[in-house]
Amino acid sequence: MIRPEQVWLAVEPIDGRWGVDQLTRRVIDHHAGSPADGRVYVFCNRARTRLKLLHWDGTGVWLAQRRLHQGRFVWPQAGAGAVELDAEQWRWLITGVDWQRLRASPQHWQL
């Protein structure tokens, strides 16, 4: 079972054809993580229309994909490494809503 408090976005875009082996290598090489650390690693294609989730559950690996029929996923800027999401941000991300605005500070008017 995927627990949203353990979701990490791998910010750099990937080739959508990649499978378990290539995504596992990306986690090890670029995120200094272990694919078996209990986290769910989420990858996005360059067009930001598809997500791939990689999750090792102790007995095997899950590879899932989500595709938007319209619009694009809101994704952090390249170069950010990996970004951890909380449960609320995760729910907004997978529906295609700008989850980064949930924590935005209110702007103050200055005269």
C-alpha atoms as a PDB file:
ATOM      1  CA  MET A   1       0.000   0.000   0.000  1.00  0.00           C
ATOM      2  CA  ILE A   2       1.313   3.444  -0.910  1.00  0.00           C
ATOM      3  CA  ARG A   3       1.454   5.841   2.013  1.00  0.00           C
ATOM      4  CA  PRO A   4       1.500   9.400   0.644  1.00  0.00           C
ATOM      5  CA  GLU A   5       3.741  10.670   3.449  1.00  0.00           C
ATOM      6  CA  GLN A   6       6.563   8.709   1.826  1.00  0.00           C
ATOM      7  CA  VAL A   7       6.274  10.080  -1.708  1.00  0.00           C
ATOM      8  CA  TRP A   8       9.365  11.574  -3.315  1.00  0.00           C
ATOM      9  CA  LEU A   9       9.316  13.313  -6.693  1.00  0.00           C
ATOM     10  CA  ALA A  10      12.364  12.670  -8.834  1.00  0.00           C
ATOM     11  CA  VAL A  11      12.368  16.065 -10.500  1.00  0.00           C
ATOM     12  CA  GLU A  12      14.437  15.436 -13.639  1.00  0.00           C
ATOM     13  CA  PRO A  13      12.243  14.160 -16.511  1.00  0.00           C
ATOM     14  CA  ILE A  14      12.595  10.580 -17.675  1.00  0.00           C
ATOM     15  CA  ASP A  15      12.005   8.667 -20.872  1.00  0.00           C
ATOM     16  CA  GLY A  16       8.453   7.323 -20.573  1.00  0.00           C
ATOM     17  CA  ARG A  17       9.571   3.949 -21.928  1.00  0.00           C
ATOM     18  CA  TRP A  18      11.787   3.282 -18.915  1.00  0.00           C
ATOM     19  CA  GLY A  19      10.955   0.291 -16.763  1.00  0.00           C
ATOM     20  CA  VAL A  20      11.879  -0.951 -13.304  1.00  0.00           C
ATOM     21  CA  ASP A  21      15.600  -1.399 -13.984  1.00  0.00           C
ATOM     22  CA  GLN A  22      16.209   2.081 -15.418  1.00  0.00           C
ATOM     23  CA  LEU A  23      14.118   3.802 -12.748  1.00  0.00           C
ATOM     24  CA  THR A  24      15.870   1.862  -9.969  1.00  0.00           C
ATOM     25  CA  ARG A  25      19.244   2.914 -11.392  1.00  0.00           C
ATOM     26  CA  ARG A  26      18.027   6.545 -11.421  1.00  0.00           C
ATOM     27  CA  VAL A  27      17.069   6.347  -7.724  1.00  0.00           C
ATOM     28  CA  ILE A  28      20.464   4.913  -6.802  1.00  0.00           C
ATOM     29  CA  ASP A  29      22.586   7.214  -8.983  1.00  0.00           C
ATOM     30  CA  HIS A  30      20.774  10.544  -8.677  1.00  0.00           C
ATOM     31  CA  HIS A  31      18.930  10.476  -5.374  1.00  0.00           C
ATOM     32  CA  ALA A  32      21.381   8.606  -3.137  1.00  0.00           C
ATOM     33  CA  GLY A  33      18.490   6.455  -2.093  1.00  0.00           C
ATOM     34  CA  SER A  34      17.797   2.796  -1.919  1.00  0.00           C
ATOM     35  CA  PRO A  35      14.790   1.678  -3.910  1.00  0.00           C
ATOM     36  CA  ALA A  36      13.936  -0.601  -0.975  1.00  0.00           C
ATOM     37  CA  ASP A  37      13.815   2.233   1.611  1.00  0.00           C
ATOM     38  CA  GLY A  38      10.002   2.201   1.804  1.00  0.00           C
ATOM     39  CA  ARG A  39       9.498   5.385  -0.176  1.00  0.00           C
ATOM     40  CA  VAL A  40       7.508   5.749  -3.355  1.00  0.00           C
ATOM     41  CA  TYR A  41       9.572   7.417  -6.059  1.00  0.00           C
ATOM     42  CA  VAL A  42       7.562   9.319  -8.664  1.00  0.00           C
ATOM     43  CA  PHE A  43       8.937  10.173 -12.097  1.00  0.00           C
ATOM     44  CA  CYS A  44       7.454  12.341 -14.840  1.00  0.00           C
ATOM     45  CA  ASN A  45       7.955  12.389 -18.585  1.00  0.00           C
ATOM     46  CA  ARG A  46       9.231  15.533 -20.294  1.00  0.00           C
ATOM     47  CA  ALA A  47       5.719  16.506 -21.498  1.00  0.00           C
ATOM     48  CA  ARG A  48       4.422  16.178 -17.896  1.00  0.00           C
ATOM     49  CA  THR A  49       1.440  14.092 -19.026  1.00  0.00           C
ATOM     50  CA  ARG A  50       2.480  10.795 -17.426  1.00  0.00           C
ATOM     51  CA  LEU A  51       3.744   9.769 -14.000  1.00  0.00           C
ATOM     52  CA  LYS A  52       5.517   6.530 -13.122  1.00  0.00           C
ATOM     53  CA  LEU A  53       5.640   5.306  -9.523  1.00  0.00           C
ATOM     54  CA  LEU A  54       8.305   2.918  -8.272  1.00  0.00           C
ATOM     55  CA  HIS A  55       7.737   1.204  -4.923  1.00  0.00           C
ATOM     56  CA  TRP A  56       9.572  -1.738  -3.375  1.00  0.00           C
ATOM     57  CA  ASP A  57       7.328  -3.382  -0.760  1.00  0.00           C
ATOM     58  CA  GLY A  58       9.744  -5.914   0.727  1.00  0.00           C
ATOM     59  CA  THR A  59       8.825  -8.844  -1.488  1.00  0.00           C
ATOM     60  CA  GLY A  60       8.840  -7.222  -4.915  1.00  0.00           C
ATOM     61  CA  VAL A  61       8.563  -4.004  -6.819  1.00  0.00           C
ATOM     62  CA  TRP A  62       5.501  -2.098  -7.998  1.00  0.00           C
ATOM     63  CA  LEU A  63       5.618   0.005 -11.142  1.00  0.00           C
ATOM     64  CA  ALA A  64       2.481   2.031 -11.760  1.00  0.00           C
ATOM     65  CA  GLN A  65       1.651   4.699 -14.287  1.00  0.00           C
ATOM     66  CA  ARG A  66      -0.844   7.573 -14.284  1.00  0.00           C
ATOM     67  CA  ARG A  67      -1.779   9.547 -17.379  1.00  0.00           C
ATOM     68  CA  LEU A  68      -3.749  12.770 -17.661  1.00  0.00           C
ATOM     69  CA  HIS A  69      -6.154  12.952 -20.569  1.00  0.00           C
ATOM     70  CA  GLN A  70      -6.092  16.763 -20.503  1.00  0.00           C
ATOM     71  CA  GLY A  71      -3.587  19.219 -19.118  1.00  0.00           C
ATOM     72  CA  ARG A  72      -0.230  18.552 -17.489  1.00  0.00           C
ATOM     73  CA  PHE A  73       1.048  17.611 -14.072  1.00  0.00           C
ATOM     74  CA  VAL A  74       2.489  20.513 -12.087  1.00  0.00           C
ATOM     75  CA  TRP A  75       6.137  19.617 -11.552  1.00  0.00           C
ATOM     76  CA  PRO A  76       9.018  21.310  -9.680  1.00  0.00           C
ATOM     77  CA  GLN A  77      11.786  23.051 -11.603  1.00  0.00           C
ATOM     78  CA  ALA A  78      14.631  20.890 -12.889  1.00  0.00           C
ATOM     79  CA  GLY A  79      17.676  20.881 -10.635  1.00  0.00           C
ATOM     80  CA  ALA A  80      15.696  20.552  -7.398  1.00  0.00           C
ATOM     81  CA  GLY A  81      16.854  16.942  -6.894  1.00  0.00           C
ATOM     82  CA  ALA A  82      14.028  15.120  -5.134  1.00  0.00           C
ATOM     83  CA  VAL A  83      11.029  16.704  -3.424  1.00  0.00           C
ATOM     84  CA  GLU A  84       9.062  15.073  -0.620  1.00  0.00           C
ATOM     85  CA  LEU A  85       5.275  15.499  -0.686  1.00  0.00           C
ATOM     86  CA  ASP A  86       2.767  15.270   2.129  1.00  0.00           C
ATOM     87  CA  ALA A  87      -0.576  13.502   1.715  1.00  0.00           C
ATOM     88  CA  GLU A  88      -2.488  16.642   0.703  1.00  0.00           C
ATOM     89  CA  GLN A  89       0.096  17.674  -1.890  1.00  0.00           C
ATOM     90  CA  TRP A  90       0.079  14.138  -3.309  1.00  0.00           C
ATOM     91  CA  ARG A  91      -3.714  14.171  -3.761  1.00  0.00           C
ATOM     92  CA  TRP A  92      -3.547  17.507  -5.592  1.00  0.00           C
ATOM     93  CA  LEU A  93      -0.615  16.444  -7.775  1.00  0.00           C
ATOM     94  CA  ILE A  94      -2.272  13.306  -9.131  1.00  0.00           C
ATOM     95  CA  THR A  95      -5.386  15.259 -10.106  1.00  0.00           C
ATOM     96  CA  GLY A  96      -3.328  17.785 -12.092  1.00  0.00           C
ATOM     97  CA  VAL A  97      -3.836  20.715  -9.692  1.00  0.00           C
ATOM     98  CA  ASP A  98      -0.995  23.091  -8.723  1.00  0.00           C
ATOM     99  CA  TRP A  99      -0.035  21.489  -5.403  1.00  0.00           C
ATOM    100  CA  GLN A 100       2.838  23.963  -4.904  1.00  0.00           C
ATOM    101  CA  ARG A 101       0.358  26.790  -4.289  1.00  0.00           C
ATOM    102  CA  LEU A 102      -1.045  25.061  -1.193  1.00  0.00           C
ATOM    103  CA  ARG A 103       1.856  26.395   0.877  1.00  0.00           C
ATOM    104  CA  ALA A 104       2.177  29.793  -0.781  1.00  0.00           C
ATOM    105  CA  SER A 105       2.412  32.747   1.553  1.00  0.00           C
ATOM    106  CA  PRO A 106      -0.263  35.387   1.178  1.00  0.00           C
ATOM    107  CA  GLN A 107       0.992  38.468  -0.598  1.00  0.00           C
ATOM    108  CA  HIS A 108       0.913  41.722   1.332  1.00  0.00           C
ATOM    109  CA  TRP A 109       0.093  44.946  -0.414  1.00  0.00           C
ATOM    110  CA  GLN A 110       2.537  47.737   0.036  1.00  0.00           C
ATOM    111  CA  LEU A 111       1.768  51.394  -0.592  1.00  0.00           C
END
